[in-house]
Amino acid sequence: MLYLQRLIGCYNSCRFYAPQLFQATGLGSEAALLSTVITGAVNVGSTFVAIAVVDHFGRRFLFIEGGIQMIICEVLVGILIKLNFESGVVNPAMANGIIALICLYVAGFAWSW
């Protein structure tokens, strides 16, 4: 599982480039840093959710569900960022959608991988 986690690589790059990614969605530098703090809080909170429900659902279910959730979020973030750059105009609703999808991605990673 550790090797699969390293092969994914997106989690580390999302965490490292989060401020630049959020700035690219049209947020200011302070808002981008705040969004990074929010994703960190989502990571911590989702870890506690995983601790609470792993006995009920099992590790395998959380692993599969989190992987599917991560794939869907990555694809949707890519599509939204492409649309955001193609339009040339910053759409606040699209920026908020990207932030929400990144938070869902982080949550899926935290409770599964």
N, C-alpha and C. Protein backbone atom coordinates (compact mmCIF):
# COMPACT_ATOMS: atom_id res chain seq x y z
N MET A 1 0.82 -1.18 0.00
CA MET A 1 0.00 0.00 0.00
C MET A 1 0.88 1.26 0.00
N LEU A 2 2.01 1.21 0.66
CA LEU A 2 2.89 2.36 0.67
C LEU A 2 3.37 2.69 -0.73
N TYR A 3 3.68 1.67 -1.52
CA TYR A 3 4.14 1.91 -2.89
C TYR A 3 3.02 2.50 -3.75
N LEU A 4 1.80 2.01 -3.55
CA LEU A 4 0.67 2.58 -4.29
C LEU A 4 0.46 4.04 -3.92
N GLN A 5 0.64 4.35 -2.65
CA GLN A 5 0.49 5.73 -2.21
C GLN A 5 1.52 6.62 -2.89
N ARG A 6 2.73 6.15 -3.03
CA ARG A 6 3.78 6.93 -3.68
C ARG A 6 3.55 7.02 -5.19
N LEU A 7 2.98 5.97 -5.77
CA LEU A 7 2.69 6.00 -7.21
C LEU A 7 1.59 7.01 -7.53
N ILE A 8 0.65 7.19 -6.60
CA ILE A 8 -0.42 8.15 -6.84
C ILE A 8 0.19 9.53 -6.98
N GLY A 9 0.98 9.93 -6.02
CA GLY A 9 1.72 11.18 -6.09
C GLY A 9 0.89 12.44 -6.05
N CYS A 10 -0.36 12.37 -6.40
CA CYS A 10 -1.18 13.57 -6.46
C CYS A 10 -1.40 14.17 -5.09
N TYR A 11 -1.50 13.33 -4.08
CA TYR A 11 -1.74 13.88 -2.74
C TYR A 11 -0.59 14.79 -2.33
N ASN A 12 0.64 14.30 -2.52
CA ASN A 12 1.79 15.12 -2.15
C ASN A 12 1.87 16.39 -2.98
N SER A 13 1.59 16.27 -4.26
CA SER A 13 1.65 17.46 -5.11
C SER A 13 0.51 18.42 -4.80
N CYS A 14 -0.67 17.90 -4.47
CA CYS A 14 -1.78 18.77 -4.08
C CYS A 14 -1.44 19.52 -2.80
N ARG A 15 -0.82 18.85 -1.85
CA ARG A 15 -0.47 19.51 -0.59
C ARG A 15 0.65 20.54 -0.81
N PHE A 16 1.62 20.19 -1.64
CA PHE A 16 2.76 21.08 -1.85
C PHE A 16 2.37 22.31 -2.66
N TYR A 17 1.59 22.10 -3.71
CA TYR A 17 1.22 23.18 -4.61
C TYR A 17 -0.16 23.78 -4.30
N ALA A 18 -0.72 23.48 -3.16
CA ALA A 18 -2.07 23.95 -2.84
C ALA A 18 -2.21 25.47 -2.92
N PRO A 19 -1.30 26.25 -2.34
CA PRO A 19 -1.49 27.71 -2.46
C PRO A 19 -1.48 28.19 -3.91
N GLN A 20 -0.58 27.66 -4.73
CA GLN A 20 -0.54 28.07 -6.14
C GLN A 20 -1.77 27.58 -6.89
N LEU A 21 -2.23 26.39 -6.55
CA LEU A 21 -3.43 25.84 -7.19
C LEU A 21 -4.65 26.68 -6.85
N PHE A 22 -4.78 27.07 -5.60
CA PHE A 22 -5.91 27.89 -5.20
C PHE A 22 -5.81 29.30 -5.77
N GLN A 23 -4.59 29.83 -5.89
CA GLN A 23 -4.42 31.14 -6.52
C GLN A 23 -4.81 31.07 -7.99
N ALA A 24 -4.53 29.95 -8.64
CA ALA A 24 -4.87 29.79 -10.06
C ALA A 24 -6.39 29.77 -10.26
N THR A 25 -7.13 29.41 -9.23
CA THR A 25 -8.58 29.42 -9.36
C THR A 25 -9.16 30.81 -9.22
N GLY A 26 -8.32 31.79 -8.88
CA GLY A 26 -8.79 33.16 -8.79
C GLY A 26 -8.79 33.72 -7.39
N LEU A 27 -8.40 32.92 -6.41
CA LEU A 27 -8.33 33.41 -5.04
C LEU A 27 -7.08 34.26 -4.86
N GLY A 28 -7.13 35.19 -3.95
CA GLY A 28 -5.95 35.97 -3.61
C GLY A 28 -4.96 35.11 -2.83
N SER A 29 -3.78 35.64 -2.58
CA SER A 29 -2.75 34.85 -1.90
C SER A 29 -3.16 34.51 -0.46
N GLU A 30 -3.81 35.43 0.24
CA GLU A 30 -4.24 35.14 1.61
C GLU A 30 -5.35 34.08 1.63
N ALA A 31 -6.28 34.18 0.71
CA ALA A 31 -7.36 33.19 0.63
C ALA A 31 -6.81 31.84 0.23
N ALA A 32 -5.79 31.83 -0.62
CA ALA A 32 -5.18 30.56 -1.02
C ALA A 32 -4.51 29.89 0.17
N LEU A 33 -3.83 30.66 1.00
CA LEU A 33 -3.22 30.09 2.20
C LEU A 33 -4.28 29.61 3.18
N LEU A 34 -5.37 30.35 3.31
CA LEU A 34 -6.47 29.92 4.18
C LEU A 34 -7.08 28.62 3.67
N SER A 35 -7.22 28.48 2.37
CA SER A 35 -7.75 27.24 1.79
C SER A 35 -6.83 26.07 2.08
N THR A 36 -5.53 26.32 2.10
CA THR A 36 -4.58 25.26 2.44
C THR A 36 -4.77 24.82 3.89
N VAL A 37 -5.02 25.77 4.77
CA VAL A 37 -5.29 25.43 6.17
C VAL A 37 -6.58 24.62 6.27
N ILE A 38 -7.57 24.98 5.48
CA ILE A 38 -8.84 24.25 5.50
C ILE A 38 -8.64 22.81 5.04
N THR A 39 -7.86 22.60 3.99
CA THR A 39 -7.62 21.22 3.53
C THR A 39 -6.85 20.43 4.58
N GLY A 40 -5.95 21.08 5.31
CA GLY A 40 -5.27 20.40 6.41
C GLY A 40 -6.23 20.00 7.51
N ALA A 41 -7.18 20.88 7.82
CA ALA A 41 -8.19 20.56 8.83
C ALA A 41 -9.08 19.41 8.36
N VAL A 42 -9.42 19.40 7.07
CA VAL A 42 -10.21 18.30 6.51
C VAL A 42 -9.43 16.99 6.64
N ASN A 43 -8.13 17.05 6.40
CA ASN A 43 -7.29 15.86 6.53
C ASN A 43 -7.33 15.31 7.95
N VAL A 44 -7.15 16.17 8.93
CA VAL A 44 -7.16 15.74 10.33
C VAL A 44 -8.55 15.22 10.72
N GLY A 45 -9.59 15.95 10.35
CA GLY A 45 -10.95 15.51 10.68
C GLY A 45 -11.31 14.18 10.05
N SER A 46 -10.91 13.99 8.81
CA SER A 46 -11.22 12.73 8.11
C SER A 46 -10.45 11.56 8.70
N THR A 47 -9.27 11.82 9.21
CA THR A 47 -8.52 10.76 9.88
C THR A 47 -9.27 10.28 11.11
N PHE A 48 -9.84 11.21 11.86
CA PHE A 48 -10.63 10.82 13.03
C PHE A 48 -11.91 10.09 12.63
N VAL A 49 -12.51 10.47 11.51
CA VAL A 49 -13.67 9.74 11.00
C VAL A 49 -13.28 8.30 10.68
N ALA A 50 -12.13 8.13 10.04
CA ALA A 50 -11.68 6.78 9.70
C ALA A 50 -11.44 5.94 10.95
N ILE A 51 -10.85 6.53 11.96
CA ILE A 51 -10.62 5.81 13.22
C ILE A 51 -11.95 5.37 13.83
N ALA A 52 -12.95 6.23 13.71
CA ALA A 52 -14.25 5.93 14.33
C ALA A 52 -15.03 4.86 13.58
N VAL A 53 -14.90 4.79 12.25
CA VAL A 53 -15.76 3.89 11.48
C VAL A 53 -15.05 2.67 10.90
N VAL A 54 -13.74 2.55 11.09
CA VAL A 54 -13.03 1.43 10.48
C VAL A 54 -13.49 0.08 11.03
N ASP A 55 -13.85 0.02 12.29
CA ASP A 55 -14.32 -1.25 12.86
C ASP A 55 -15.68 -1.64 12.30
N HIS A 56 -16.50 -0.66 11.98
CA HIS A 56 -17.84 -0.95 11.47
C HIS A 56 -17.80 -1.34 9.99
N PHE A 57 -17.10 -0.56 9.17
CA PHE A 57 -17.10 -0.80 7.73
C PHE A 57 -15.96 -1.70 7.26
N GLY A 58 -14.87 -1.71 7.96
CA GLY A 58 -13.73 -2.51 7.57
C GLY A 58 -12.76 -1.70 6.72
N ARG A 59 -11.51 -2.10 6.79
CA ARG A 59 -10.44 -1.38 6.10
C ARG A 59 -10.58 -1.49 4.58
N ARG A 60 -10.99 -2.64 4.10
CA ARG A 60 -11.10 -2.86 2.65
C ARG A 60 -12.14 -1.94 2.02
N PHE A 61 -13.30 -1.82 2.66
CA PHE A 61 -14.35 -0.94 2.13
C PHE A 61 -13.87 0.50 2.07
N LEU A 62 -13.24 0.98 3.16
CA LEU A 62 -12.75 2.36 3.17
C LEU A 62 -11.69 2.57 2.10
N PHE A 63 -10.85 1.58 1.89
CA PHE A 63 -9.79 1.67 0.88
C PHE A 63 -10.38 1.80 -0.53
N ILE A 64 -11.34 0.95 -0.84
CA ILE A 64 -11.96 0.98 -2.18
C ILE A 64 -12.78 2.25 -2.36
N GLU A 65 -13.58 2.62 -1.36
CA GLU A 65 -14.41 3.81 -1.47
C GLU A 65 -13.54 5.06 -1.60
N GLY A 66 -12.48 5.15 -0.80
CA GLY A 66 -11.60 6.30 -0.88
C GLY A 66 -10.89 6.40 -2.22
N GLY A 67 -10.48 5.26 -2.78
CA GLY A 67 -9.83 5.27 -4.09
C GLY A 67 -10.76 5.75 -5.19
N ILE A 68 -12.00 5.29 -5.16
CA ILE A 68 -12.99 5.73 -6.16
C ILE A 68 -13.27 7.22 -5.99
N GLN A 69 -13.42 7.64 -4.75
CA GLN A 69 -13.67 9.06 -4.47
C GLN A 69 -12.51 9.92 -4.97
N MET A 70 -11.28 9.48 -4.77
CA MET A 70 -10.11 10.24 -5.21
C MET A 70 -10.04 10.34 -6.73
N ILE A 71 -10.33 9.25 -7.42
CA ILE A 71 -10.29 9.27 -8.89
C ILE A 71 -11.32 10.25 -9.44
N ILE A 72 -12.53 10.16 -8.92
CA ILE A 72 -13.60 11.05 -9.39
C ILE A 72 -13.23 12.51 -9.14
N CYS A 73 -12.74 12.80 -7.95
CA CYS A 73 -12.37 14.19 -7.62
C CYS A 73 -11.23 14.70 -8.49
N GLU A 74 -10.23 13.86 -8.75
CA GLU A 74 -9.11 14.28 -9.60
C GLU A 74 -9.58 14.62 -11.00
N VAL A 75 -10.42 13.78 -11.57
CA VAL A 75 -10.92 14.02 -12.92
C VAL A 75 -11.74 15.30 -12.97
N LEU A 76 -12.63 15.48 -12.00
CA LEU A 76 -13.48 16.68 -11.98
C LEU A 76 -12.67 17.95 -11.75
N VAL A 77 -11.66 17.90 -10.89
CA VAL A 77 -10.80 19.07 -10.67
C VAL A 77 -10.07 19.42 -11.96
N GLY A 78 -9.56 18.42 -12.64
CA GLY A 78 -8.88 18.67 -13.91
C GLY A 78 -9.79 19.31 -14.94
N ILE A 79 -11.01 18.82 -15.03
CA ILE A 79 -11.97 19.38 -15.99
C ILE A 79 -12.32 20.82 -15.61
N LEU A 80 -12.57 21.07 -14.33
CA LEU A 80 -12.93 22.43 -13.91
C LEU A 80 -11.78 23.42 -14.09
N ILE A 81 -10.58 22.99 -13.81
CA ILE A 81 -9.43 23.89 -14.00
C ILE A 81 -9.25 24.19 -15.48
N LYS A 82 -9.41 23.19 -16.32
CA LYS A 82 -9.30 23.41 -17.77
C LYS A 82 -10.36 24.40 -18.24
N LEU A 83 -11.59 24.22 -17.79
CA LEU A 83 -12.67 25.14 -18.17
C LEU A 83 -12.42 26.55 -17.63
N ASN A 84 -11.87 26.63 -16.42
CA ASN A 84 -11.59 27.92 -15.81
C ASN A 84 -10.51 28.68 -16.61
N PHE A 85 -9.49 27.96 -17.06
CA PHE A 85 -8.43 28.61 -17.83
C PHE A 85 -8.88 28.93 -19.25
N GLU A 86 -9.72 28.09 -19.83
CA GLU A 86 -10.19 28.35 -21.20
C GLU A 86 -11.09 29.58 -21.26
N SER A 87 -11.89 29.78 -20.23
CA SER A 87 -12.83 30.91 -20.26
C SER A 87 -12.10 32.24 -20.13
N GLY A 88 -10.97 32.26 -19.44
CA GLY A 88 -10.21 33.48 -19.26
C GLY A 88 -10.78 34.39 -18.20
N VAL A 89 -11.96 34.08 -17.71
CA VAL A 89 -12.62 34.88 -16.66
C VAL A 89 -12.72 34.00 -15.42
N VAL A 90 -12.37 34.56 -14.28
CA VAL A 90 -12.45 33.80 -13.04
C VAL A 90 -13.90 33.69 -12.61
N ASN A 91 -14.36 32.47 -12.48
CA ASN A 91 -15.73 32.19 -12.06
C ASN A 91 -15.68 31.78 -10.58
N PRO A 92 -16.23 32.59 -9.68
CA PRO A 92 -16.17 32.25 -8.25
C PRO A 92 -16.85 30.92 -7.91
N ALA A 93 -17.92 30.61 -8.58
CA ALA A 93 -18.61 29.34 -8.31
C ALA A 93 -17.72 28.17 -8.71
N MET A 94 -17.01 28.30 -9.83
CA MET A 94 -16.12 27.24 -10.27
C MET A 94 -14.93 27.12 -9.31
N ALA A 95 -14.42 28.24 -8.82
CA ALA A 95 -13.32 28.22 -7.86
C ALA A 95 -13.75 27.53 -6.57
N ASN A 96 -14.94 27.83 -6.10
CA ASN A 96 -15.45 27.16 -4.90
C ASN A 96 -15.66 25.67 -5.13
N GLY A 97 -16.11 25.30 -6.34
CA GLY A 97 -16.26 23.89 -6.67
C GLY A 97 -14.93 23.16 -6.67
N ILE A 98 -13.90 23.81 -7.19
CA ILE A 98 -12.56 23.20 -7.20
C ILE A 98 -12.07 23.00 -5.77
N ILE A 99 -12.27 24.00 -4.93
CA ILE A 99 -11.84 23.87 -3.53
C ILE A 99 -12.60 22.75 -2.83
N ALA A 100 -13.89 22.66 -3.07
CA ALA A 100 -14.70 21.60 -2.45
C ALA A 100 -14.24 20.22 -2.93
N LEU A 101 -13.95 20.10 -4.22
CA LEU A 101 -13.49 18.81 -4.75
C LEU A 101 -12.12 18.43 -4.20
N ILE A 102 -11.25 19.42 -4.02
CA ILE A 102 -9.94 19.13 -3.43
C ILE A 102 -10.10 18.69 -1.98
N CYS A 103 -11.02 19.31 -1.26
CA CYS A 103 -11.30 18.87 0.11
C CYS A 103 -11.86 17.45 0.15
N LEU A 104 -12.73 17.13 -0.79
CA LEU A 104 -13.25 15.75 -0.87
C LEU A 104 -12.14 14.76 -1.22
N TYR A 105 -11.23 15.18 -2.09
CA TYR A 105 -10.08 14.34 -2.43
C TYR A 105 -9.23 14.08 -1.19
N VAL A 106 -8.93 15.13 -0.45
CA VAL A 106 -8.13 14.99 0.77
C VAL A 106 -8.84 14.10 1.78
N ALA A 107 -10.15 14.27 1.91
CA ALA A 107 -10.92 13.42 2.84
C ALA A 107 -10.86 11.96 2.42
N GLY A 108 -11.01 11.69 1.13
CA GLY A 108 -10.92 10.32 0.65
C GLY A 108 -9.56 9.71 0.90
N PHE A 109 -8.53 10.52 0.72
CA PHE A 109 -7.17 10.03 0.99
C PHE A 109 -6.99 9.75 2.47
N ALA A 110 -7.48 10.65 3.31
CA ALA A 110 -7.24 10.52 4.75
C ALA A 110 -7.93 9.30 5.33
N TRP A 111 -9.11 8.96 4.87
CA TRP A 111 -9.76 7.81 5.49
C TRP A 111 -9.54 6.51 4.75
N SER A 112 -8.73 6.54 3.72
CA SER A 112 -8.52 5.26 3.02
C SER A 112 -7.06 4.89 2.87
N TRP A 113 -6.22 5.76 2.40
CA TRP A 113 -4.84 5.40 2.08
C TRP A 113 -3.97 5.57 3.30
